Amino acid sequence: MENIIQAVSDGVIITIVGMLVVFGFLTIMVIAMDITSGIVGYLNKKFPPKVVETTTTKKRPQTNEEEMVAVAIASILNLQRSGR
């Protein structure tokens, strides 16, 4: 009985220590992220990124509507003839 109590006690201590280690690491990580965010914000104000504007025109594909309709009709007729 003594061994079971000792094992449970050790397990609880290991669990608490592990949770404290994870909590400490997460706290340090959040603080580091806040500091990094502040530094990057300051640097963006001091050295703003250059914005390059590009003007492009979208080209519409040259499709012949009548040709597309003919292809659709031909494929429907082909399917009907093959019995599908």
PDB file of N, CA and C in Angstrom:
ATOM      1  N   MET A   1       0.823  -1.194   0.000  1.00  0.00           N
ATOM      2  CA  MET A   1       0.000   0.000   0.000  1.00  0.00           C
ATOM      3  C   MET A   1       0.868   1.258   0.000  1.00  0.00           C
ATOM      4  N   GLU A   2       1.975   1.134   0.712  1.00  0.00           N
ATOM      5  CA  GLU A   2       2.892   2.280   0.810  1.00  0.00           C
ATOM      6  C   GLU A   2       3.486   2.629  -0.555  1.00  0.00           C
ATOM      7  N   ASN A   3       3.750   1.597  -1.370  1.00  0.00           N
ATOM      8  CA  ASN A   3       4.331   1.824  -2.693  1.00  0.00           C
ATOM      9  C   ASN A   3       3.347   2.541  -3.605  1.00  0.00           C
ATOM     10  N   ILE A   4       2.075   2.226  -3.505  1.00  0.00           N
ATOM     11  CA  ILE A   4       1.061   2.865  -4.357  1.00  0.00           C
ATOM     12  C   ILE A   4       0.929   4.339  -3.999  1.00  0.00           C
ATOM     13  N   ILE A   5       0.904   4.632  -2.717  1.00  0.00           N
ATOM     14  CA  ILE A   5       0.800   6.036  -2.277  1.00  0.00           C
ATOM     15  C   ILE A   5       2.022   6.813  -2.729  1.00  0.00           C
ATOM     16  N   GLN A   6       3.207   6.218  -2.607  1.00  0.00           N
ATOM     17  CA  GLN A   6       4.450   6.875  -3.032  1.00  0.00           C
ATOM     18  C   GLN A   6       4.444   7.103  -4.545  1.00  0.00           C
ATOM     19  N   ALA A   7       3.963   6.136  -5.325  1.00  0.00           N
ATOM     20  CA  ALA A   7       3.926   6.264  -6.788  1.00  0.00           C
ATOM     21  C   ALA A   7       2.947   7.362  -7.207  1.00  0.00           C
ATOM     22  N   VAL A   8       1.776   7.415  -6.569  1.00  0.00           N
ATOM     23  CA  VAL A   8       0.792   8.459  -6.881  1.00  0.00           C
ATOM     24  C   VAL A   8       1.342   9.821  -6.497  1.00  0.00           C
ATOM     25  N   SER A   9       1.998   9.896  -5.366  1.00  0.00           N
ATOM     26  CA  SER A   9       2.592  11.159  -4.914  1.00  0.00           C
ATOM     27  C   SER A   9       3.660  11.634  -5.895  1.00  0.00           C
ATOM     28  N   ASP A  10       4.517  10.718  -6.341  1.00  0.00           N
ATOM     29  CA  ASP A  10       5.542  11.076  -7.329  1.00  0.00           C
ATOM     30  C   ASP A  10       4.904  11.512  -8.642  1.00  0.00           C
ATOM     31  N   GLY A  11       3.852  10.831  -9.060  1.00  0.00           N
ATOM     32  CA  GLY A  11       3.148  11.190 -10.291  1.00  0.00           C
ATOM     33  C   GLY A  11       2.539  12.572 -10.223  1.00  0.00           C
ATOM     34  N   VAL A  12       1.947  12.910  -9.088  1.00  0.00           N
ATOM     35  CA  VAL A  12       1.345  14.238  -8.923  1.00  0.00           C
ATOM     36  C   VAL A  12       2.425  15.310  -8.936  1.00  0.00           C
ATOM     37  N   ILE A  13       3.542  15.048  -8.282  1.00  0.00           N
ATOM     38  CA  ILE A  13       4.637  16.034  -8.260  1.00  0.00           C
ATOM     39  C   ILE A  13       5.193  16.236  -9.672  1.00  0.00           C
ATOM     40  N   ILE A  14       5.397  15.139 -10.404  1.00  0.00           N
ATOM     41  CA  ILE A  14       5.912  15.247 -11.776  1.00  0.00           C
ATOM     42  C   ILE A  14       4.917  16.008 -12.656  1.00  0.00           C
ATOM     43  N   THR A  15       3.627  15.752 -12.477  1.00  0.00           N
ATOM     44  CA  THR A  15       2.594  16.446 -13.254  1.00  0.00           C
ATOM     45  C   THR A  15       2.614  17.938 -12.966  1.00  0.00           C
ATOM     46  N   ILE A  16       2.682  18.308 -11.701  1.00  0.00           N
ATOM     47  CA  ILE A  16       2.678  19.731 -11.331  1.00  0.00           C
ATOM     48  C   ILE A  16       3.934  20.424 -11.859  1.00  0.00           C
ATOM     49  N   VAL A  17       5.074  19.787 -11.732  1.00  0.00           N
ATOM     50  CA  VAL A  17       6.324  20.380 -12.235  1.00  0.00           C
ATOM     51  C   VAL A  17       6.250  20.545 -13.747  1.00  0.00           C
ATOM     52  N   GLY A  18       5.738  19.540 -14.447  1.00  0.00           N
ATOM     53  CA  GLY A  18       5.610  19.636 -15.904  1.00  0.00           C
ATOM     54  C   GLY A  18       4.678  20.758 -16.321  1.00  0.00           C
ATOM     55  N   MET A  19       3.554  20.883 -15.622  1.00  0.00           N
ATOM     56  CA  MET A  19       2.608  21.956 -15.962  1.00  0.00           C
ATOM     57  C   MET A  19       3.211  23.329 -15.690  1.00  0.00           C
ATOM     58  N   LEU A  20       3.982  23.450 -14.610  1.00  0.00           N
ATOM     59  CA  LEU A  20       4.637  24.730 -14.314  1.00  0.00           C
ATOM     60  C   LEU A  20       5.697  25.067 -15.360  1.00  0.00           C
ATOM     61  N   VAL A  21       6.421  24.062 -15.827  1.00  0.00           N
ATOM     62  CA  VAL A  21       7.430  24.298 -16.868  1.00  0.00           C
ATOM     63  C   VAL A  21       6.755  24.780 -18.148  1.00  0.00           C
ATOM     64  N   VAL A  22       5.668  24.128 -18.548  1.00  0.00           N
ATOM     65  CA  VAL A  22       4.950  24.532 -19.765  1.00  0.00           C
ATOM     66  C   VAL A  22       4.370  25.930 -19.589  1.00  0.00           C
ATOM     67  N   PHE A  23       3.767  26.209 -18.445  1.00  0.00           N
ATOM     68  CA  PHE A  23       3.205  27.536 -18.202  1.00  0.00           C
ATOM     69  C   PHE A  23       4.299  28.608 -18.249  1.00  0.00           C
ATOM     70  N   GLY A  24       5.447  28.313 -17.646  1.00  0.00           N
ATOM     71  CA  GLY A  24       6.559  29.271 -17.677  1.00  0.00           C
ATOM     72  C   GLY A  24       7.043  29.516 -19.095  1.00  0.00           C
ATOM     73  N   PHE A  25       7.181  28.450 -19.880  1.00  0.00           N
ATOM     74  CA  PHE A  25       7.625  28.605 -21.261  1.00  0.00           C
ATOM     75  C   PHE A  25       6.626  29.428 -22.063  1.00  0.00           C
ATOM     76  N   LEU A  26       5.329  29.144 -21.903  1.00  0.00           N
ATOM     77  CA  LEU A  26       4.318  29.905 -22.644  1.00  0.00           C
ATOM     78  C   LEU A  26       4.315  31.370 -22.237  1.00  0.00           C
ATOM     79  N   THR A  27       4.520  31.639 -20.971  1.00  0.00           N
ATOM     80  CA  THR A  27       4.583  33.031 -20.505  1.00  0.00           C
ATOM     81  C   THR A  27       5.771  33.752 -21.132  1.00  0.00           C
ATOM     82  N   ILE A  28       6.929  33.095 -21.139  1.00  0.00           N
ATOM     83  CA  ILE A  28       8.120  33.704 -21.751  1.00  0.00           C
ATOM     84  C   ILE A  28       7.901  33.908 -23.246  1.00  0.00           C
ATOM     85  N   MET A  29       7.243  32.960 -23.910  1.00  0.00           N
ATOM     86  CA  MET A  29       7.002  33.077 -25.344  1.00  0.00           C
ATOM     87  C   MET A  29       6.076  34.255 -25.653  1.00  0.00           C
ATOM     88  N   VAL A  30       5.015  34.440 -24.847  1.00  0.00           N
ATOM     89  CA  VAL A  30       4.099  35.557 -25.071  1.00  0.00           C
ATOM     90  C   VAL A  30       4.815  36.883 -24.856  1.00  0.00           C
ATOM     91  N   ILE A  31       5.637  36.966 -23.835  1.00  0.00           N
ATOM     92  CA  ILE A  31       6.385  38.202 -23.576  1.00  0.00           C
ATOM     93  C   ILE A  31       7.348  38.482 -24.731  1.00  0.00           C
ATOM     94  N   ALA A  32       8.030  37.449 -25.222  1.00  0.00           N
ATOM     95  CA  ALA A  32       8.958  37.628 -26.350  1.00  0.00           C
ATOM     96  C   ALA A  32       8.212  38.068 -27.600  1.00  0.00           C
ATOM     97  N   MET A  33       7.019  37.519 -27.834  1.00  0.00           N
ATOM     98  CA  MET A  33       6.235  37.920 -29.006  1.00  0.00           C
ATOM     99  C   MET A  33       5.785  39.376 -28.891  1.00  0.00           C
ATOM    100  N   ASP A  34       5.406  39.805 -27.697  1.00  0.00           N
ATOM    101  CA  ASP A  34       5.011  41.204 -27.506  1.00  0.00           C
ATOM    102  C   ASP A  34       6.192  42.145 -27.747  1.00  0.00           C
ATOM    103  N   ILE A  35       7.349  41.774 -27.247  1.00  0.00           N
ATOM    104  CA  ILE A  35       8.538  42.610 -27.453  1.00  0.00           C
ATOM    105  C   ILE A  35       8.895  42.662 -28.933  1.00  0.00           C
ATOM    106  N   THR A  36       8.852  41.515 -29.606  1.00  0.00           N
ATOM    107  CA  THR A  36       9.153  41.471 -31.035  1.00  0.00           C
ATOM    108  C   THR A  36       8.152  42.292 -31.832  1.00  0.00           C
ATOM    109  N   SER A  37       6.878  42.217 -31.462  1.00  0.00           N
ATOM    110  CA  SER A  37       5.850  42.999 -32.147  1.00  0.00           C
ATOM    111  C   SER A  37       6.113  44.496 -31.994  1.00  0.00           C
ATOM    112  N   GLY A  38       6.508  44.900 -30.810  1.00  0.00           N
ATOM    113  CA  GLY A  38       6.828  46.312 -30.596  1.00  0.00           C
ATOM    114  C   GLY A  38       8.028  46.755 -31.414  1.00  0.00           C
ATOM    115  N   ILE A  39       9.055  45.919 -31.477  1.00  0.00           N
ATOM    116  CA  ILE A  39      10.252  46.260 -32.250  1.00  0.00           C
ATOM    117  C   ILE A  39       9.915  46.359 -33.733  1.00  0.00           C
ATOM    118  N   VAL A  40       9.146  45.397 -34.253  1.00  0.00           N
ATOM    119  CA  VAL A  40       8.795  45.423 -35.670  1.00  0.00           C
ATOM    120  C   VAL A  40       7.901  46.625 -35.981  1.00  0.00           C
ATOM    121  N   GLY A  41       6.979  46.953 -35.085  1.00  0.00           N
ATOM    122  CA  GLY A  41       6.140  48.135 -35.288  1.00  0.00           C
ATOM    123  C   GLY A  41       6.960  49.410 -35.323  1.00  0.00           C
ATOM    124  N   TYR A  42       7.936  49.519 -34.435  1.00  0.00           N
ATOM    125  CA  TYR A  42       8.807  50.691 -34.425  1.00  0.00           C
ATOM    126  C   TYR A  42       9.628  50.767 -35.713  1.00  0.00           C
ATOM    127  N   LEU A  43      10.166  49.629 -36.146  1.00  0.00           N
ATOM    128  CA  LEU A  43      10.975  49.623 -37.360  1.00  0.00           C
ATOM    129  C   LEU A  43      10.135  49.924 -38.600  1.00  0.00           C
ATOM    130  N   ASN A  44       8.865  49.483 -38.619  1.00  0.00           N
ATOM    131  CA  ASN A  44       7.994  49.810 -39.744  1.00  0.00           C
ATOM    132  C   ASN A  44       7.678  51.298 -39.807  1.00  0.00           C
ATOM    133  N   LYS A  45       7.595  51.942 -38.643  1.00  0.00           N
ATOM    134  CA  LYS A  45       7.379  53.393 -38.647  1.00  0.00           C
ATOM    135  C   LYS A  45       8.651  54.130 -39.076  1.00  0.00           C
ATOM    136  N   LYS A  46       9.789  53.629 -38.615  1.00  0.00           N
ATOM    137  CA  LYS A  46      11.065  54.276 -38.920  1.00  0.00           C
ATOM    138  C   LYS A  46      11.469  54.052 -40.370  1.00  0.00           C
ATOM    139  N   PHE A  47      11.292  52.843 -40.868  1.00  0.00           N
ATOM    140  CA  PHE A  47      11.652  52.492 -42.239  1.00  0.00           C
ATOM    141  C   PHE A  47      10.440  51.857 -42.926  1.00  0.00           C
ATOM    142  N   PRO A  48       9.516  52.681 -43.416  1.00  0.00           N
ATOM    143  CA  PRO A  48       8.308  52.091 -44.032  1.00  0.00           C
ATOM    144  C   PRO A  48       8.663  51.327 -45.304  1.00  0.00           C
ATOM    145  N   PRO A  49       7.964  50.226 -45.544  1.00  0.00           N
ATOM    146  CA  PRO A  49       8.257  49.449 -46.753  1.00  0.00           C
ATOM    147  C   PRO A  49       7.817  50.204 -47.998  1.00  0.00           C
ATOM    148  N   LYS A  50       8.604  50.048 -49.057  1.00  0.00           N
ATOM    149  CA  LYS A  50       8.270  50.715 -50.312  1.00  0.00           C
ATOM    150  C   LYS A  50       7.137  49.961 -50.989  1.00  0.00           C
ATOM    151  N   VAL A  51       6.148  50.707 -51.462  1.00  0.00           N
ATOM    152  CA  VAL A  51       5.017  50.103 -52.151  1.00  0.00           C
ATOM    153  C   VAL A  51       5.182  50.353 -53.634  1.00  0.00           C
ATOM    154  N   VAL A  52       5.249  49.282 -54.384  1.00  0.00           N
ATOM    155  CA  VAL A  52       5.399  49.387 -55.820  1.00  0.00           C
ATOM    156  C   VAL A  52       4.059  49.074 -56.455  1.00  0.00           C
ATOM    157  N   GLU A  53       3.527  50.034 -57.178  1.00  0.00           N
ATOM    158  CA  GLU A  53       2.237  49.830 -57.834  1.00  0.00           C
ATOM    159  C   GLU A  53       2.481  49.362 -59.255  1.00  0.00           C
ATOM    160  N   THR A  54       1.831  48.311 -59.606  1.00  0.00           N
ATOM    161  CA  THR A  54       1.931  47.812 -60.968  1.00  0.00           C
ATOM    162  C   THR A  54       0.552  47.874 -61.597  1.00  0.00           C
ATOM    163  N   THR A  55       0.526  48.312 -62.813  1.00  0.00           N
ATOM    164  CA  THR A  55      -0.743  48.373 -63.522  1.00  0.00           C
ATOM    165  C   THR A  55      -0.737  47.282 -64.579  1.00  0.00           C
ATOM    166  N   THR A  56      -1.660  46.390 -64.429  1.00  0.00           N
ATOM    167  CA  THR A  56      -1.797  45.320 -65.406  1.00  0.00           C
ATOM    168  C   THR A  56      -3.245  45.294 -65.875  1.00  0.00           C
ATOM    169  N   THR A  57      -3.401  44.960 -67.098  1.00  0.00           N
ATOM    170  CA  THR A  57      -4.750  44.826 -67.630  1.00  0.00           C
ATOM    171  C   THR A  57      -5.022  43.349 -67.837  1.00  0.00           C
ATOM    172  N   LYS A  58      -6.192  42.950 -67.439  1.00  0.00           N
ATOM    173  CA  LYS A  58      -6.552  41.553 -67.613  1.00  0.00           C
ATOM    174  C   LYS A  58      -6.979  41.335 -69.053  1.00  0.00           C
ATOM    175  N   LYS A  59      -6.348  40.380 -69.654  1.00  0.00           N
ATOM    176  CA  LYS A  59      -6.683  40.064 -71.034  1.00  0.00           C
ATOM    177  C   LYS A  59      -7.760  38.994 -71.036  1.00  0.00           C
ATOM    178  N   ARG A  60      -8.807  39.254 -71.759  1.00  0.00           N
ATOM    179  CA  ARG A  60      -9.867  38.276 -71.891  1.00  0.00           C
ATOM    180  C   ARG A  60      -9.467  37.293 -72.987  1.00  0.00           C
ATOM    181  N   PRO A  61      -9.676  36.043 -72.711  1.00  0.00           N
ATOM    182  CA  PRO A  61      -9.309  35.066 -73.748  1.00  0.00           C
ATOM    183  C   PRO A  61     -10.194  35.245 -74.975  1.00  0.00           C
ATOM    184  N   GLN A  62      -9.574  35.133 -76.110  1.00  0.00           N
ATOM    185  CA  GLN A  62     -10.286  35.280 -77.372  1.00  0.00           C
ATOM    186  C   GLN A  62     -11.006  33.973 -77.684  1.00  0.00           C
ATOM    187  N   THR A  63     -12.271  33.888 -77.318  1.00  0.00           N
ATOM    188  CA  THR A  63     -13.045  32.686 -77.603  1.00  0.00           C
ATOM    189  C   THR A  63     -14.178  33.053 -78.537  1.00  0.00           C
ATOM    190  N   ASN A  64     -14.414  32.183 -79.455  1.00  0.00           N
ATOM    191  CA  ASN A  64     -15.501  32.364 -80.390  1.00  0.00           C
ATOM    192  C   ASN A  64     -16.705  31.646 -79.802  1.00  0.00           C
ATOM    193  N   GLU A  65     -17.722  32.417 -79.443  1.00  0.00           N
ATOM    194  CA  GLU A  65     -18.878  31.846 -78.766  1.00  0.00           C
ATOM    195  C   GLU A  65     -19.585  30.815 -79.635  1.00  0.00           C
ATOM    196  N   GLU A  66     -19.671  31.086 -80.917  1.00  0.00           N
ATOM    197  CA  GLU A  66     -20.325  30.138 -81.817  1.00  0.00           C
ATOM    198  C   GLU A  66     -19.557  28.821 -81.874  1.00  0.00           C
ATOM    199  N   GLU A  67     -18.248  28.901 -81.839  1.00  0.00           N
ATOM    200  CA  GLU A  67     -17.427  27.702 -81.866  1.00  0.00           C
ATOM    201  C   GLU A  67     -17.643  26.876 -80.596  1.00  0.00           C
ATOM    202  N   MET A  68     -17.739  27.543 -79.465  1.00  0.00           N
ATOM    203  CA  MET A  68     -17.966  26.848 -78.200  1.00  0.00           C
ATOM    204  C   MET A  68     -19.331  26.158 -78.193  1.00  0.00           C
ATOM    205  N   VAL A  69     -20.358  26.815 -78.729  1.00  0.00           N
ATOM    206  CA  VAL A  69     -21.687  26.211 -78.805  1.00  0.00           C
ATOM    207  C   VAL A  69     -21.645  24.990 -79.715  1.00  0.00           C
ATOM    208  N   ALA A  70     -20.940  25.095 -80.840  1.00  0.00           N
ATOM    209  CA  ALA A  70     -20.836  23.966 -81.770  1.00  0.00           C
ATOM    210  C   ALA A  70     -20.141  22.780 -81.109  1.00  0.00           C
ATOM    211  N   VAL A  71     -19.108  23.030 -80.325  1.00  0.00           N
ATOM    212  CA  VAL A  71     -18.396  21.958 -79.639  1.00  0.00           C
ATOM    213  C   VAL A  71     -19.316  21.302 -78.619  1.00  0.00           C
ATOM    214  N   ALA A  72     -20.088  22.101 -77.877  1.00  0.00           N
ATOM    215  CA  ALA A  72     -21.006  21.544 -76.883  1.00  0.00           C
ATOM    216  C   ALA A  72     -22.069  20.677 -77.541  1.00  0.00           C
ATOM    217  N   ILE A  73     -22.639  21.153 -78.639  1.00  0.00           N
ATOM    218  CA  ILE A  73     -23.670  20.379 -79.341  1.00  0.00           C
ATOM    219  C   ILE A  73     -23.082  19.080 -79.882  1.00  0.00           C
ATOM    220  N   ALA A  74     -21.885  19.148 -80.447  1.00  0.00           N
ATOM    221  CA  ALA A  74     -21.248  17.961 -80.996  1.00  0.00           C
ATOM    222  C   ALA A  74     -20.979  16.933 -79.901  1.00  0.00           C
ATOM    223  N   SER A  75     -20.561  17.390 -78.730  1.00  0.00           N
ATOM    224  CA  SER A  75     -20.281  16.433 -77.654  1.00  0.00           C
ATOM    225  C   SER A  75     -21.567  15.809 -77.134  1.00  0.00           C
ATOM    226  N   ILE A  76     -22.667  16.580 -77.080  1.00  0.00           N
ATOM    227  CA  ILE A  76     -23.956  16.024 -76.650  1.00  0.00           C
ATOM    228  C   ILE A  76     -24.440  14.989 -77.658  1.00  0.00           C
ATOM    229  N   LEU A  77     -24.339  15.308 -78.941  1.00  0.00           N
ATOM    230  CA  LEU A  77     -24.759  14.356 -79.965  1.00  0.00           C
ATOM    231  C   LEU A  77     -23.915  13.087 -79.920  1.00  0.00           C
ATOM    232  N   ASN A  78     -22.634  13.237 -79.671  1.00  0.00           N
ATOM    233  CA  ASN A  78     -21.754  12.086 -79.594  1.00  0.00           C
ATOM    234  C   ASN A  78     -22.141  11.190 -78.416  1.00  0.00           C
ATOM    235  N   LEU A  79     -22.476  11.804 -77.287  1.00  0.00           N
ATOM    236  CA  LEU A  79     -22.889  11.021 -76.128  1.00  0.00           C
ATOM    237  C   LEU A  79     -24.209  10.305 -76.381  1.00  0.00           C
ATOM    238  N   GLN A  80     -25.135  10.988 -77.061  1.00  0.00           N
ATOM    239  CA  GLN A  80     -26.417  10.367 -77.355  1.00  0.00           C
ATOM    240  C   GLN A  80     -26.255   9.191 -78.308  1.00  0.00           C
ATOM    241  N   ARG A  81     -25.390   9.330 -79.285  1.00  0.00           N
ATOM    242  CA  ARG A  81     -25.184   8.261 -80.257  1.00  0.00           C
ATOM    243  C   ARG A  81     -24.493   7.053 -79.640  1.00  0.00           C
ATOM    244  N   SER A  82     -23.620   7.307 -78.655  1.00  0.00           N
ATOM    245  CA  SER A  82     -22.916   6.192 -78.057  1.00  0.00           C
ATOM    246  C   SER A  82     -23.773   5.478 -77.015  1.00  0.00           C
ATOM    247  N   GLY A  83     -24.920   6.040 -76.671  1.00  0.00           N
ATOM    248  CA  GLY A  83     -25.854   5.391 -75.773  1.00  0.00           C
ATOM    249  C   GLY A  83     -25.574   5.610 -74.294  1.00  0.00           C
ATOM    250  N   ARG A  84     -24.870   6.592 -73.951  1.00  0.00           N
ATOM    251  CA  ARG A  84     -24.566   6.875 -72.526  1.00  0.00           C
ATOM    252  C   ARG A  84     -25.622   7.697 -71.879  1.00  0.00           C
TER     253      ARG A  84
END
